[in-house]
C-alpha atoms as a PDB file:
ATOM      1  CA  MET A   1     -17.523   2.323 -12.439  1.00  0.00           C
ATOM      2  CA  LEU A   2     -15.040   1.743 -10.557  1.00  0.00           C
ATOM      3  CA  ALA A   3     -15.149  -2.138 -10.255  1.00  0.00           C
ATOM      4  CA  GLU A   4     -15.970  -1.920 -13.747  1.00  0.00           C
ATOM      5  CA  ALA A   5     -12.718  -0.526 -15.089  1.00  0.00           C
ATOM      6  CA  MET A   6     -10.792  -2.575 -12.811  1.00  0.00           C
ATOM      7  CA  CYS A   7     -12.315  -5.161 -14.426  1.00  0.00           C
ATOM      8  CA  LYS A   8     -10.752  -4.431 -18.151  1.00  0.00           C
ATOM      9  CA  HIS A   9      -7.680  -3.571 -16.643  1.00  0.00           C
ATOM     10  CA  MET A  10      -6.872  -6.148 -15.509  1.00  0.00           C
ATOM     11  CA  GLY A  11      -7.912  -8.288 -18.172  1.00  0.00           C
ATOM     12  CA  PHE A  12     -10.778  -9.850 -16.299  1.00  0.00           C
ATOM     13  CA  THR A  13     -14.634 -10.623 -17.321  1.00  0.00           C
ATOM     14  CA  TYR A  14     -17.026  -7.868 -15.075  1.00  0.00           C
ATOM     15  CA  ALA A  15     -20.100  -9.624 -13.937  1.00  0.00           C
ATOM     16  CA  PRO A  16     -20.986  -8.707 -10.362  1.00  0.00           C
ATOM     17  CA  SER A  17     -21.929 -12.100  -8.041  1.00  0.00           C
ATOM     18  CA  GLN A  18     -25.924 -10.932  -7.440  1.00  0.00           C
ATOM     19  CA  ASP A  19     -25.769 -13.302  -4.015  1.00  0.00           C
ATOM     20  CA  PRO A  20     -24.434 -11.783  -0.699  1.00  0.00           C
ATOM     21  CA  ALA A  21     -22.946 -13.938   0.338  1.00  0.00           C
ATOM     22  CA  GLU A  22     -20.218 -13.311  -2.605  1.00  0.00           C
ATOM     23  CA  TYR A  23     -19.849  -9.593  -1.782  1.00  0.00           C
ATOM     24  CA  TRP A  24     -16.044  -9.805  -2.441  1.00  0.00           C
ATOM     25  CA  ASN A  25     -16.559 -10.979  -7.128  1.00  0.00           C
ATOM     26  CA  HIS A  26     -17.008  -8.142  -9.363  1.00  0.00           C
ATOM     27  CA  GLY A  27     -15.975 -10.184 -12.192  1.00  0.00           C
ATOM     28  CA  PHE A  28     -13.809 -13.251 -12.957  1.00  0.00           C
ATOM     29  CA  SER A  29     -10.618 -14.494 -15.433  1.00  0.00           C
ATOM     30  CA  SER A  30     -12.293 -17.760 -15.487  1.00  0.00           C
ATOM     31  CA  GLU A  31     -13.774 -21.045 -13.103  1.00  0.00           C
ATOM     32  CA  ARG A  32     -11.422 -20.427 -10.195  1.00  0.00           C
ATOM     33  CA  ASP A  33      -9.854 -16.455 -10.787  1.00  0.00           C
ATOM     34  CA  PHE A  34     -12.287 -14.083  -8.891  1.00  0.00           C
ATOM     35  CA  ILE A  35     -11.686 -10.307  -8.463  1.00  0.00           C
ATOM     36  CA  PHE A  36     -12.324  -7.389  -6.220  1.00  0.00           C
ATOM     37  CA  VAL A  37     -12.267  -3.953  -6.091  1.00  0.00           C
ATOM     38  CA  THR A  38     -12.570  -1.988  -3.143  1.00  0.00           C
ATOM     39  CA  THR A  39     -12.127   2.036  -2.119  1.00  0.00           C
ATOM     40  CA  ASN A  40     -11.231   0.590   1.588  1.00  0.00           C
ATOM     41  CA  ALA A  41      -7.747   0.121   2.989  1.00  0.00           C
ATOM     42  CA  LEU A  42      -7.025  -2.929   3.911  1.00  0.00           C
ATOM     43  CA  THR A  43      -6.168  -4.355   7.680  1.00  0.00           C
ATOM     44  CA  HIS A  44      -4.835  -7.790   8.240  1.00  0.00           C
ATOM     45  CA  LYS A  45      -8.073  -8.455   9.603  1.00  0.00           C
ATOM     46  CA  MET A  46     -10.421  -7.472   7.011  1.00  0.00           C
ATOM     47  CA  LEU A  47      -7.889  -9.321   4.827  1.00  0.00           C
ATOM     48  CA  GLU A  48      -7.957 -12.385   6.893  1.00  0.00           C
ATOM     49  CA  ALA A  49     -11.991 -12.124   6.656  1.00  0.00           C
ATOM     50  CA  ILE A  50     -11.620 -12.192   2.600  1.00  0.00           C
ATOM     51  CA  SER A  51      -9.612 -14.956   2.538  1.00  0.00           C
ATOM     52  CA  TYR A  52     -12.109 -16.866   4.575  1.00  0.00           C
ATOM     53  CA  ASP A  53     -14.708 -16.177   2.494  1.00  0.00           C
ATOM     54  CA  VAL A  54     -12.965 -17.154  -0.779  1.00  0.00           C
ATOM     55  CA  GLY A  55     -12.124 -20.713   0.106  1.00  0.00           C
ATOM     56  CA  PRO A  56      -8.972 -22.457  -1.050  1.00  0.00           C
ATOM     57  CA  ASP A  57     -10.573 -23.807  -4.535  1.00  0.00           C
ATOM     58  CA  ARG A  58     -10.701 -19.800  -5.473  1.00  0.00           C
ATOM     59  CA  HIS A  59      -8.102 -17.378  -6.631  1.00  0.00           C
ATOM     60  CA  LEU A  60      -9.580 -13.414  -5.402  1.00  0.00           C
ATOM     61  CA  LEU A  61      -7.182 -10.296  -6.941  1.00  0.00           C
ATOM     62  CA  VAL A  62      -8.247  -7.568  -4.224  1.00  0.00           C
ATOM     63  CA  CYS A  63      -7.580  -4.064  -6.187  1.00  0.00           C
ATOM     64  CA  CYS A  64      -7.385  -1.915  -3.124  1.00  0.00           C
ATOM     65  CA  LYS A  65      -6.569   1.982  -2.358  1.00  0.00           C
ATOM     66  CA  ALA A  66      -4.055   0.626   0.381  1.00  0.00           C
ATOM     67  CA  PHE A  67      -4.331  -1.912   2.743  1.00  0.00           C
ATOM     68  CA  ASN A  68      -1.483  -2.383   5.581  1.00  0.00           C
ATOM     69  CA  THR A  69      -0.565  -6.266   6.290  1.00  0.00           C
ATOM     70  CA  GLU A  70       3.194  -7.516   6.736  1.00  0.00           C
ATOM     71  CA  ARG A  71       3.324  -9.522   4.266  1.00  0.00           C
ATOM     72  CA  PRO A  72       1.388  -9.338   1.419  1.00  0.00           C
ATOM     73  CA  ASP A  73       1.246 -12.741   0.097  1.00  0.00           C
ATOM     74  CA  ALA A  74       0.540 -14.248   3.381  1.00  0.00           C
ATOM     75  CA  PHE A  75      -2.817 -15.703   1.619  1.00  0.00           C
ATOM     76  CA  GLU A  76      -1.927 -18.339  -0.327  1.00  0.00           C
ATOM     77  CA  ASN A  77      -5.762 -18.022  -2.490  1.00  0.00           C
ATOM     78  CA  LEU A  78      -5.206 -13.673  -2.752  1.00  0.00           C
ATOM     79  CA  THR A  79      -3.490 -10.533  -4.170  1.00  0.00           C
ATOM     80  CA  LEU A  80      -3.272  -7.723  -3.645  1.00  0.00           C
ATOM     81  CA  ARG A  81      -2.967  -5.007  -5.557  1.00  0.00           C
ATOM     82  CA  LYS A  82      -3.141  -0.835  -5.241  1.00  0.00           C
ATOM     83  CA  ILE A  83      -5.487   0.457  -7.393  1.00  0.00           C
ATOM     84  CA  PRO A  84      -3.759   2.855  -9.845  1.00  0.00           C
ATOM     85  CA  HIS A  85      -4.134   6.793  -9.685  1.00  0.00           C
ATOM     86  CA  ALA A  86      -5.084   6.757 -13.133  1.00  0.00           C
ATOM     87  CA  ILE A  87      -8.564   4.490 -12.885  1.00  0.00           C
ATOM     88  CA  LEU A  88      -9.268   6.293  -9.332  1.00  0.00           C
ATOM     89  CA  ASP A  89      -9.024  10.299 -10.715  1.00  0.00           C
ATOM     90  CA  THR A  90     -11.144   9.777 -13.941  1.00  0.00           C
ATOM     91  CA  CYS A  91     -13.940   7.321 -11.408  1.00  0.00           C
ATOM     92  CA  GLU A  92     -16.703  10.683 -10.885  1.00  0.00           C
ATOM     93  CA  TRP A  93     -16.726  10.394  -6.905  1.00  0.00           C
ATOM     94  CA  GLY A  94     -19.617  11.199  -5.501  1.00  0.00           C
ATOM     95  CA  ARG A  95     -22.041  12.212  -8.197  1.00  0.00           C
ATOM     96  CA  ASP A  96     -25.205   8.708  -8.498  1.00  0.00           C
ATOM     97  CA  ASP A  97     -26.483   9.835 -11.830  1.00  0.00           C
ATOM     98  CA  TYR A  98     -22.598   8.378 -14.017  1.00  0.00           C
ATOM     99  CA  SER A  99     -24.730  11.357 -16.692  1.00  0.00           C
ATOM    100  CA  LEU A 100     -22.089  11.433 -19.940  1.00  0.00           C
ATOM    101  CA  ARG A 101     -20.207  15.386 -19.600  1.00  0.00           C
ATOM    102  CA  ILE A 102     -20.464  16.589 -23.537  1.00  0.00           C
ATOM    103  CA  ALA A 103     -17.330  19.992 -23.443  1.00  0.00           C
ATOM    104  CA  SER A 104     -19.485  20.576 -27.046  1.00  0.00           C
ATOM    105  CA  LEU A 105     -21.290  19.140 -29.187  1.00  0.00           C
ATOM    106  CA  PRO A 106     -20.198  18.517 -33.594  1.00  0.00           C
ATOM    107  CA  VAL A 107     -21.333  21.607 -35.584  1.00  0.00           C
ATOM    108  CA  VAL A 108     -23.740  20.614 -38.220  1.00  0.00           C
ATOM    109  CA  ASP A 109     -23.023  23.308 -41.246  1.00  0.00           C
ATOM    110  CA  ARG A 110     -27.246  22.872 -42.953  1.00  0.00           C
ATOM    111  CA  ASP A 111     -26.116  24.683 -45.907  1.00  0.00           C
ATOM    112  CA  ASP A 112     -23.985  21.980 -46.657  1.00  0.00           C
ATOM    113  CA  PRO A 113     -25.205  19.541 -49.872  1.00  0.00           C
ATOM    114  CA  ASP A 114     -24.804  17.145 -47.849  1.00  0.00           C
ATOM    115  CA  GLY A 115     -26.962  18.081 -44.798  1.00  0.00           C
ATOM    116  CA  GLY A 116     -22.816  17.327 -42.600  1.00  0.00           C
ATOM    117  CA  ALA A 117     -23.216  12.925 -43.292  1.00  0.00           C
ATOM    118  CA  GLU A 118     -20.717  11.590 -42.125  1.00  0.00           C
ATOM    119  CA  PRO A 119     -18.702  10.187 -45.017  1.00  0.00           C
ATOM    120  CA  ASP A 120     -20.308   6.567 -44.610  1.00  0.00           C
ATOM    121  CA  ALA A 121     -23.871   7.581 -44.699  1.00  0.00           C
ATOM    122  CA  LYS A 122     -26.074   6.813 -47.817  1.00  0.00           C
ATOM    123  CA  PRO A 123     -27.004  10.102 -49.415  1.00  0.00           C
ATOM    124  CA  LYS A 124     -30.558  10.988 -49.847  1.00  0.00           C
ATOM    125  CA  LYS A 125     -32.223  10.587 -52.434  1.00  0.00           C
ATOM    126  CA  LYS A 126     -33.248  13.903 -54.106  1.00  0.00           C
ATOM    127  CA  ARG A 127     -36.898  15.267 -55.263  1.00  0.00           C
ATOM    128  CA  SER A 128     -37.478  15.996 -59.085  1.00  0.00           C
ATOM    129  CA  LYS A 129     -39.515  18.853 -59.756  1.00  0.00           C
ATOM    130  CA  GLY A 130     -42.623  17.751 -59.657  1.00  0.00           C
ATOM    131  CA  GLU A 131     -42.717  16.606 -55.940  1.00  0.00           C
ATOM    132  CA  SER A 132     -44.103  17.821 -53.523  1.00  0.00           C
ATOM    133  CA  GLN A 133     -42.097  18.156 -50.276  1.00  0.00           C
ATOM    134  CA  ASP A 134     -44.523  17.518 -47.927  1.00  0.00           C
ATOM    135  CA  GLU A 135     -45.275  14.627 -49.531  1.00  0.00           C
ATOM    136  CA  PRO A 136     -43.043  11.180 -48.756  1.00  0.00           C
ATOM    137  CA  THR A 137     -41.735   8.779 -50.742  1.00  0.00           C
ATOM    138  CA  LEU A 138     -41.663   4.988 -50.502  1.00  0.00           C
ATOM    139  CA  PHE A 139     -37.843   5.605 -50.137  1.00  0.00           C
ATOM    140  CA  ASP A 140     -38.239   8.385 -47.553  1.00  0.00           C
ATOM    141  CA  GLU A 141     -36.502   7.185 -44.308  1.00  0.00           C
ATOM    142  CA  ALA A 142     -39.343  10.566 -42.309  1.00  0.00           C
ATOM    143  CA  ALA A 143     -42.344   7.870 -43.837  1.00  0.00           C
ATOM    144  CA  ASP A 144     -44.065   6.216 -41.528  1.00  0.00           C
ATOM    145  CA  VAL A 145     -44.526   2.706 -42.632  1.00  0.00           C
ATOM    146  CA  GLU A 146     -47.874   0.900 -42.647  1.00  0.00           C
ATOM    147  CA  GLY A 147     -47.945  -2.878 -43.795  1.00  0.00           C
END
């Protein structure tokens, strides 16, 4: 969830690599420009390892919670950015289902002549007095069509 949010925030396409050797590849913006997102605090030694794994022909935007290096620009193929707190705070931590939380559902007034339909929804056809309410018609949305 965090990697996807950071990709969107930074203008990258979220597409994590399935190759374990490319653990650092969470998305891309071009053929040679990639993004890596982690909540770890990265040390200079860790950044050296990542830089080596990325290689000289690619560039990696590293988004992390924190980094500890004397010179953030020491790596030609890495750009370091801290993850904004606004994004960190919106992620759900300690959950593995990411279920949607709905504070309240819209109330539908069943007595409303539209049936609470949205403005763009088509009005339902009213039945004439002779039509049974139990039998679906050809134009009834609830009718099962067998063919």
